[in-house]
N, C-alpha and C. Protein backbone atom coordinates (compact mmCIF):
# COMPACT_ATOMS: atom_id res chain seq x y z
N MET A 1 46.90 -19.61 2.42
CA MET A 1 46.72 -20.79 3.25
C MET A 1 45.25 -20.85 3.69
N ARG A 2 44.62 -21.96 3.46
CA ARG A 2 43.24 -22.14 3.86
C ARG A 2 43.20 -22.73 5.27
N ARG A 3 42.48 -22.06 6.14
CA ARG A 3 42.35 -22.55 7.51
C ARG A 3 41.10 -23.42 7.61
N PRO A 4 41.13 -24.41 8.52
CA PRO A 4 39.96 -25.25 8.68
C PRO A 4 38.78 -24.45 9.22
N ARG A 5 37.59 -24.93 8.95
CA ARG A 5 36.39 -24.27 9.43
C ARG A 5 36.35 -24.34 10.95
N PRO A 6 35.70 -23.37 11.60
CA PRO A 6 35.66 -23.37 13.06
C PRO A 6 34.85 -24.55 13.62
N ARG A 7 35.20 -24.92 14.81
CA ARG A 7 34.46 -25.98 15.50
C ARG A 7 33.08 -25.44 15.87
N PRO A 8 32.13 -26.34 16.14
CA PRO A 8 30.76 -25.90 16.43
C PRO A 8 30.65 -24.87 17.56
N LYS A 9 31.43 -25.02 18.63
CA LYS A 9 31.35 -24.07 19.75
C LYS A 9 31.77 -22.66 19.29
N HIS A 10 32.83 -22.59 18.50
CA HIS A 10 33.31 -21.32 17.96
C HIS A 10 32.27 -20.72 17.01
N ALA A 11 31.75 -21.54 16.09
CA ALA A 11 30.76 -21.07 15.13
C ALA A 11 29.50 -20.59 15.84
N ASN A 12 29.09 -21.28 16.91
CA ASN A 12 27.91 -20.85 17.66
C ASN A 12 28.15 -19.51 18.34
N ALA A 13 29.32 -19.32 18.92
CA ALA A 13 29.63 -18.05 19.58
C ALA A 13 29.62 -16.90 18.57
N SER A 14 30.23 -17.12 17.42
CA SER A 14 30.27 -16.09 16.39
C SER A 14 28.87 -15.79 15.86
N SER A 15 28.09 -16.83 15.62
CA SER A 15 26.72 -16.64 15.13
C SER A 15 25.85 -15.90 16.14
N THR A 16 26.02 -16.22 17.42
CA THR A 16 25.26 -15.54 18.48
C THR A 16 25.62 -14.06 18.53
N LEU A 17 26.92 -13.76 18.44
CA LEU A 17 27.34 -12.35 18.43
C LEU A 17 26.76 -11.61 17.23
N THR A 18 26.80 -12.24 16.07
CA THR A 18 26.24 -11.61 14.87
C THR A 18 24.77 -11.29 15.08
N GLY A 19 24.01 -12.25 15.59
CA GLY A 19 22.59 -12.03 15.82
C GLY A 19 22.33 -10.93 16.84
N ASP A 20 23.11 -10.94 17.92
CA ASP A 20 22.93 -9.92 18.97
C ASP A 20 23.26 -8.52 18.48
N LEU A 21 24.26 -8.40 17.62
CA LEU A 21 24.70 -7.09 17.14
C LEU A 21 23.93 -6.60 15.92
N ASN A 22 23.49 -7.51 15.09
CA ASN A 22 22.87 -7.12 13.83
C ASN A 22 21.59 -6.31 14.03
N ALA A 23 20.74 -6.74 14.92
CA ALA A 23 19.47 -6.03 15.10
C ALA A 23 19.67 -4.58 15.55
N PRO A 24 20.37 -4.32 16.65
CA PRO A 24 20.47 -2.93 17.09
C PRO A 24 21.40 -2.05 16.26
N PHE A 25 22.47 -2.63 15.71
CA PHE A 25 23.44 -1.79 15.01
C PHE A 25 23.23 -1.73 13.51
N ASP A 26 22.70 -2.78 12.92
CA ASP A 26 22.48 -2.79 11.48
C ASP A 26 21.05 -2.35 11.17
N ARG A 27 20.09 -2.99 11.79
CA ARG A 27 18.69 -2.72 11.45
C ARG A 27 18.01 -1.73 12.39
N LYS A 28 18.61 -1.40 13.53
CA LYS A 28 18.20 -0.36 14.47
C LYS A 28 17.18 -0.73 15.54
N PRO A 29 16.45 -1.83 15.53
CA PRO A 29 15.50 -2.07 16.62
C PRO A 29 16.20 -2.03 17.98
N GLY A 30 15.88 -1.06 18.78
CA GLY A 30 16.44 -0.93 20.11
C GLY A 30 17.88 -0.45 20.16
N GLY A 31 18.41 0.03 19.06
CA GLY A 31 19.81 0.45 19.07
C GLY A 31 20.04 1.65 18.17
N PRO A 32 21.31 2.00 17.98
CA PRO A 32 21.64 3.20 17.22
C PRO A 32 21.53 3.04 15.70
N GLY A 33 21.60 1.81 15.18
CA GLY A 33 21.59 1.64 13.72
C GLY A 33 22.83 2.24 13.09
N GLY A 34 22.83 2.32 11.76
CA GLY A 34 23.90 3.01 11.05
C GLY A 34 25.16 2.20 10.79
N TRP A 35 25.11 0.89 10.96
CA TRP A 35 26.28 0.05 10.75
C TRP A 35 25.96 -1.08 9.80
N TRP A 36 26.99 -1.58 9.10
CA TRP A 36 26.95 -2.87 8.42
C TRP A 36 27.71 -3.82 9.32
N ILE A 37 27.08 -4.87 9.79
CA ILE A 37 27.74 -5.91 10.59
C ILE A 37 27.83 -7.14 9.69
N ILE A 38 29.05 -7.57 9.37
CA ILE A 38 29.27 -8.63 8.40
C ILE A 38 30.01 -9.80 9.06
N ASP A 39 29.51 -11.00 8.81
CA ASP A 39 30.09 -12.22 9.33
C ASP A 39 31.17 -12.73 8.37
N GLU A 40 32.38 -12.93 8.87
CA GLU A 40 33.52 -13.45 8.12
C GLU A 40 33.79 -12.73 6.79
N PRO A 41 33.92 -11.41 6.82
CA PRO A 41 34.23 -10.71 5.56
C PRO A 41 35.69 -10.93 5.16
N GLU A 42 35.94 -11.00 3.88
CA GLU A 42 37.31 -11.07 3.39
C GLU A 42 37.80 -9.65 3.21
N LEU A 43 38.86 -9.31 3.93
CA LEU A 43 39.42 -7.96 3.91
C LEU A 43 40.74 -7.97 3.13
N HIS A 44 40.86 -7.08 2.17
CA HIS A 44 42.11 -6.89 1.45
C HIS A 44 42.67 -5.55 1.91
N LEU A 45 43.61 -5.61 2.83
CA LEU A 45 44.19 -4.41 3.43
C LEU A 45 45.66 -4.34 3.05
N GLY A 46 45.95 -3.58 2.03
CA GLY A 46 47.32 -3.55 1.50
C GLY A 46 47.65 -4.92 0.96
N SER A 47 48.76 -5.49 1.40
CA SER A 47 49.15 -6.83 0.94
C SER A 47 48.57 -7.93 1.82
N ASP A 48 47.86 -7.58 2.87
CA ASP A 48 47.28 -8.56 3.78
C ASP A 48 45.85 -8.91 3.36
N VAL A 49 45.54 -10.19 3.43
CA VAL A 49 44.18 -10.67 3.23
C VAL A 49 43.79 -11.35 4.54
N LEU A 50 42.76 -10.80 5.18
CA LEU A 50 42.32 -11.28 6.49
C LEU A 50 40.83 -11.60 6.45
N VAL A 51 40.42 -12.52 7.32
CA VAL A 51 39.00 -12.84 7.44
C VAL A 51 38.67 -12.90 8.94
N PRO A 52 38.30 -11.76 9.52
CA PRO A 52 37.92 -11.78 10.94
C PRO A 52 36.55 -12.45 11.10
N ASP A 53 36.25 -12.87 12.31
CA ASP A 53 34.95 -13.50 12.56
C ASP A 53 33.81 -12.52 12.29
N LEU A 54 33.95 -11.30 12.72
CA LEU A 54 32.95 -10.26 12.49
C LEU A 54 33.66 -8.95 12.21
N ALA A 55 33.02 -8.11 11.43
CA ALA A 55 33.53 -6.76 11.21
C ALA A 55 32.35 -5.82 11.01
N GLY A 56 32.59 -4.57 11.32
CA GLY A 56 31.53 -3.58 11.16
C GLY A 56 32.06 -2.31 10.53
N TRP A 57 31.23 -1.72 9.67
CA TRP A 57 31.53 -0.45 9.03
C TRP A 57 30.40 0.52 9.33
N ARG A 58 30.75 1.73 9.72
CA ARG A 58 29.72 2.77 9.85
C ARG A 58 29.22 3.12 8.46
N ARG A 59 27.93 3.22 8.30
CA ARG A 59 27.35 3.49 6.98
C ARG A 59 27.73 4.88 6.46
N GLU A 60 28.12 5.77 7.34
CA GLU A 60 28.57 7.08 6.86
C GLU A 60 29.89 6.95 6.10
N ARG A 61 30.69 5.93 6.41
CA ARG A 61 31.94 5.67 5.67
C ARG A 61 31.74 4.75 4.49
N MET A 62 30.79 3.83 4.59
CA MET A 62 30.52 2.89 3.51
C MET A 62 29.00 2.84 3.31
N PRO A 63 28.45 3.77 2.54
CA PRO A 63 27.00 3.86 2.38
C PRO A 63 26.36 2.62 1.75
N LYS A 64 27.12 1.94 0.86
CA LYS A 64 26.59 0.75 0.19
C LYS A 64 27.63 -0.37 0.29
N LEU A 65 27.14 -1.60 0.27
CA LEU A 65 28.05 -2.74 0.26
C LEU A 65 28.70 -2.85 -1.12
N PRO A 66 29.94 -3.33 -1.19
CA PRO A 66 30.57 -3.54 -2.49
C PRO A 66 29.75 -4.52 -3.32
N THR A 67 29.64 -4.25 -4.59
CA THR A 67 28.86 -5.15 -5.46
C THR A 67 29.70 -5.79 -6.54
N GLU A 68 30.85 -5.23 -6.84
CA GLU A 68 31.66 -5.75 -7.94
C GLU A 68 32.68 -6.79 -7.49
N GLU A 69 33.13 -6.72 -6.25
CA GLU A 69 34.13 -7.66 -5.79
C GLU A 69 33.60 -8.45 -4.59
N ALA A 70 34.25 -9.58 -4.32
CA ALA A 70 33.82 -10.45 -3.23
C ALA A 70 34.63 -10.18 -1.96
N PHE A 71 35.19 -9.00 -1.84
CA PHE A 71 36.00 -8.64 -0.67
C PHE A 71 35.78 -7.18 -0.34
N PHE A 72 36.34 -6.78 0.79
CA PHE A 72 36.26 -5.39 1.24
C PHE A 72 37.66 -4.80 1.22
N ALA A 73 37.84 -3.69 0.53
CA ALA A 73 39.13 -2.99 0.50
C ALA A 73 39.16 -1.86 1.52
N LEU A 74 38.00 -1.40 1.95
CA LEU A 74 37.92 -0.35 2.96
C LEU A 74 38.06 -0.99 4.35
N PRO A 75 39.06 -0.56 5.13
CA PRO A 75 39.22 -1.15 6.46
C PRO A 75 37.95 -0.93 7.30
N PRO A 76 37.56 -1.94 8.07
CA PRO A 76 36.37 -1.79 8.91
C PRO A 76 36.64 -0.84 10.08
N ASP A 77 35.56 -0.35 10.66
CA ASP A 77 35.66 0.50 11.85
C ASP A 77 35.78 -0.33 13.13
N TRP A 78 35.41 -1.60 13.02
CA TRP A 78 35.37 -2.47 14.19
C TRP A 78 35.56 -3.91 13.73
N VAL A 79 36.33 -4.69 14.47
CA VAL A 79 36.47 -6.12 14.20
C VAL A 79 36.33 -6.90 15.49
N CYS A 80 35.93 -8.16 15.35
CA CYS A 80 35.79 -9.04 16.50
C CYS A 80 36.31 -10.42 16.13
N GLU A 81 37.17 -10.96 16.94
CA GLU A 81 37.66 -12.32 16.78
C GLU A 81 37.19 -13.15 17.96
N VAL A 82 36.64 -14.31 17.68
CA VAL A 82 36.28 -15.27 18.71
C VAL A 82 37.50 -16.17 18.87
N PHE A 83 38.15 -16.10 20.02
CA PHE A 83 39.35 -16.90 20.23
C PHE A 83 38.99 -18.35 20.53
N SER A 84 39.68 -19.24 19.86
CA SER A 84 39.57 -20.68 20.08
C SER A 84 40.97 -21.20 20.34
N PRO A 85 41.09 -22.31 21.03
CA PRO A 85 42.44 -22.83 21.30
C PRO A 85 43.28 -23.01 20.03
N GLY A 86 42.67 -23.40 18.93
CA GLY A 86 43.42 -23.64 17.71
C GLY A 86 43.79 -22.39 16.93
N THR A 87 43.13 -21.27 17.17
CA THR A 87 43.38 -20.07 16.38
C THR A 87 43.82 -18.87 17.21
N GLU A 88 43.84 -19.00 18.52
CA GLU A 88 44.14 -17.85 19.37
C GLU A 88 45.50 -17.23 19.06
N GLY A 89 46.52 -18.06 18.86
CA GLY A 89 47.85 -17.53 18.56
C GLY A 89 47.88 -16.74 17.27
N ILE A 90 47.23 -17.26 16.24
CA ILE A 90 47.17 -16.57 14.95
C ILE A 90 46.39 -15.27 15.09
N ASP A 91 45.23 -15.36 15.73
CA ASP A 91 44.39 -14.18 15.86
C ASP A 91 45.06 -13.08 16.67
N LYS A 92 45.80 -13.44 17.69
CA LYS A 92 46.44 -12.43 18.54
C LYS A 92 47.71 -11.86 17.93
N SER A 93 48.33 -12.57 17.00
CA SER A 93 49.57 -12.05 16.44
C SER A 93 49.37 -11.52 15.04
N THR A 94 49.06 -12.37 14.10
CA THR A 94 48.97 -11.97 12.70
C THR A 94 47.91 -10.90 12.47
N CYS A 95 46.70 -11.14 12.96
CA CYS A 95 45.60 -10.20 12.71
C CYS A 95 45.84 -8.86 13.41
N VAL A 96 46.28 -8.91 14.64
CA VAL A 96 46.52 -7.66 15.37
C VAL A 96 47.61 -6.84 14.69
N LYS A 97 48.67 -7.49 14.26
CA LYS A 97 49.75 -6.78 13.57
C LYS A 97 49.24 -6.17 12.26
N ALA A 98 48.47 -6.93 11.51
CA ALA A 98 47.97 -6.42 10.22
C ALA A 98 47.06 -5.22 10.43
N PHE A 99 46.18 -5.27 11.40
CA PHE A 99 45.29 -4.14 11.64
C PHE A 99 46.07 -2.94 12.16
N HIS A 100 47.08 -3.17 12.96
CA HIS A 100 47.90 -2.07 13.47
C HIS A 100 48.65 -1.39 12.32
N ILE A 101 49.18 -2.17 11.40
CA ILE A 101 49.89 -1.62 10.25
C ILE A 101 48.94 -0.75 9.42
N CYS A 102 47.67 -1.14 9.36
CA CYS A 102 46.69 -0.41 8.55
C CYS A 102 46.13 0.80 9.29
N GLY A 103 46.72 1.16 10.41
CA GLY A 103 46.31 2.37 11.13
C GLY A 103 45.28 2.14 12.21
N TRP A 104 45.15 0.91 12.63
CA TRP A 104 44.19 0.62 13.69
C TRP A 104 44.83 0.81 15.03
C-alpha cells in the first residue's frame, strides 16, 4: 500500500531533525560521530516492509551502506517517527509492533 507523501509541516519537521542529527552523529562536528543517519529508509525486516521517517545505524554494525539493493535488511539501532494526525495511528501500532517483533 502506497501512503501519501507527508504534508509540508511534517516534511519540515523530519528534514530539520535530519539536519540536526546528521552533523554530530554522522559527520562528527561537535558530536560523537560513528552513525549513518538515513531519511526515509526502506526496511525489510522479515516479512515486514517499513519506511520510518528517520533511522540510524552504528557504523560498527554497518560499516558501509548497502550498494546492491535499494533497501536495508539490517535492523537499525534507532528509529524516529514524526507523528502527524493522518499517520499517528499507523505509526503507533503497525510500526511499533513490527519493530518489537524484530527484537526491538
